Amino acid sequence: MEEKKPANKDLILREKLALQRTTLANQSTFLAFLRTSMYFLIAGLSLRNLLKIENSLLIEIALFVASFVIFIYGTLNYFKHKKSISENKKHIGDYQLEYYKL
């Protein structure tokens, strides 16, 4: 019969900390997308007051659309990575199972 080795608690701790860093990086990336989206929105709102251009309405609409697209992409990106991170959380500490199945 095979002898089970005790779980390496340092390895499990490192894996948990790595997942926490990844979660924080994902949140930081989402906030960067949100900030960029807001910059485009504010640029669209203030364009008419700052510049007197003939087709300022078209430029404003383009900036609003860009803001919306950036926000939607950032939100989808955040939830996609959040799901991936949560799927990897369940494997912490289970690394030994692969070795004992062999």
Protein backbone atom coordinates (compact mmCIF):
# COMPACT_ATOMS: atom_id res chain seq x y z
CA MET A 1 0.00 0.00 0.00
CA GLU A 2 1.22 3.48 -0.85
CA GLU A 3 2.19 5.85 1.87
CA LYS A 4 0.50 9.26 1.71
CA LYS A 5 2.76 12.22 2.21
CA PRO A 6 1.45 15.11 4.29
CA ALA A 7 0.22 18.11 2.32
CA ASN A 8 2.81 20.81 1.82
CA LYS A 9 1.16 23.71 3.66
CA ASP A 10 3.66 26.24 2.25
CA LEU A 11 2.67 25.26 -1.27
CA ILE A 12 -1.02 25.56 -0.47
CA LEU A 13 -0.45 28.99 1.12
CA ARG A 14 1.51 30.16 -1.94
CA GLU A 15 -1.27 28.98 -4.23
CA LYS A 16 -3.89 30.83 -2.17
CA LEU A 17 -1.83 34.01 -2.13
CA ALA A 18 -1.26 33.75 -5.89
CA LEU A 19 -5.01 33.47 -6.43
CA GLN A 20 -5.61 36.50 -4.21
CA ARG A 21 -3.07 38.50 -6.23
CA THR A 22 -4.77 37.37 -9.43
CA THR A 23 -8.16 38.42 -8.07
CA LEU A 24 -6.81 41.85 -7.13
CA ALA A 25 -5.19 42.22 -10.54
CA ASN A 26 -8.50 41.36 -12.19
CA GLN A 27 -10.30 44.00 -10.10
CA SER A 28 -7.61 46.56 -10.88
CA THR A 29 -7.94 45.83 -14.59
CA PHE A 30 -11.71 46.27 -14.41
CA LEU A 31 -11.26 49.63 -12.68
CA ALA A 32 -8.84 50.69 -15.42
CA PHE A 33 -11.44 49.81 -18.07
CA LEU A 34 -14.07 51.75 -16.09
CA ARG A 35 -11.78 54.77 -15.77
CA THR A 36 -11.00 54.75 -19.50
CA SER A 37 -14.69 54.45 -20.31
CA MET A 38 -15.46 57.44 -18.10
CA TYR A 39 -12.72 59.48 -19.81
CA PHE A 40 -14.33 58.84 -23.19
CA LEU A 41 -17.76 59.72 -21.77
CA ILE A 42 -16.52 62.99 -20.27
CA ALA A 43 -14.70 63.83 -23.50
CA GLY A 44 -17.96 63.31 -25.39
CA LEU A 45 -19.91 65.45 -22.93
CA SER A 46 -17.44 68.34 -22.93
CA LEU A 47 -16.57 68.38 -26.63
CA ARG A 48 -19.34 70.77 -27.67
CA ASN A 49 -18.40 73.31 -24.98
CA LEU A 50 -14.68 73.23 -25.68
CA LEU A 51 -14.53 73.16 -29.46
CA LYS A 52 -16.74 74.79 -32.03
CA ILE A 53 -16.62 72.16 -34.77
CA GLU A 54 -19.22 71.60 -37.48
CA ASN A 55 -19.59 67.86 -36.96
CA SER A 56 -19.16 67.87 -33.20
CA LEU A 57 -22.33 65.81 -32.77
CA LEU A 58 -20.83 62.95 -34.79
CA ILE A 59 -17.63 63.07 -32.76
CA GLU A 60 -19.65 63.13 -29.53
CA ILE A 61 -21.65 60.09 -30.62
CA ALA A 62 -18.44 58.28 -31.58
CA LEU A 63 -16.97 59.01 -28.14
CA PHE A 64 -20.17 57.83 -26.42
CA VAL A 65 -20.14 54.61 -28.44
CA ALA A 66 -16.45 54.08 -27.67
CA SER A 67 -17.17 54.64 -23.98
CA PHE A 68 -20.00 52.11 -24.02
CA VAL A 69 -17.96 49.51 -25.93
CA ILE A 70 -14.99 49.87 -23.56
CA PHE A 71 -17.28 49.53 -20.54
CA ILE A 72 -19.02 46.42 -21.92
CA TYR A 73 -15.72 44.81 -22.94
CA GLY A 74 -14.20 45.53 -19.51
CA THR A 75 -17.22 44.10 -17.72
CA LEU A 76 -17.24 40.93 -19.83
CA ASN A 77 -13.48 40.57 -19.37
CA TYR A 78 -13.84 40.93 -15.60
CA PHE A 79 -16.53 38.26 -15.26
CA LYS A 80 -14.75 35.88 -17.65
CA HIS A 81 -11.56 36.04 -15.60
CA LYS A 82 -13.48 35.93 -12.31
CA LYS A 83 -15.08 32.66 -13.42
CA SER A 84 -11.70 31.27 -14.44
CA ILE A 85 -10.17 32.23 -11.10
CA SER A 86 -13.02 30.65 -9.13
CA GLU A 87 -12.66 27.42 -11.16
CA ASN A 88 -8.97 27.28 -10.23
CA LYS A 89 -9.66 27.88 -6.52
CA LYS A 90 -11.13 24.43 -6.08
CA HIS A 91 -7.83 22.83 -7.12
CA ILE A 92 -5.83 24.28 -4.23
CA GLY A 93 -4.52 21.47 -2.09
CA ASP A 94 -5.77 18.82 -4.51
CA TYR A 95 -2.50 18.61 -6.39
CA GLN A 96 -1.68 15.33 -4.59
CA LEU A 97 -4.73 13.59 -6.00
CA GLU A 98 -3.14 13.53 -9.46
CA TYR A 99 -0.02 11.80 -8.14
CA TYR A 100 -1.88 9.14 -6.18
CA LYS A 101 -4.14 8.25 -9.12
CA LEU A 102 -1.13 7.14 -11.15
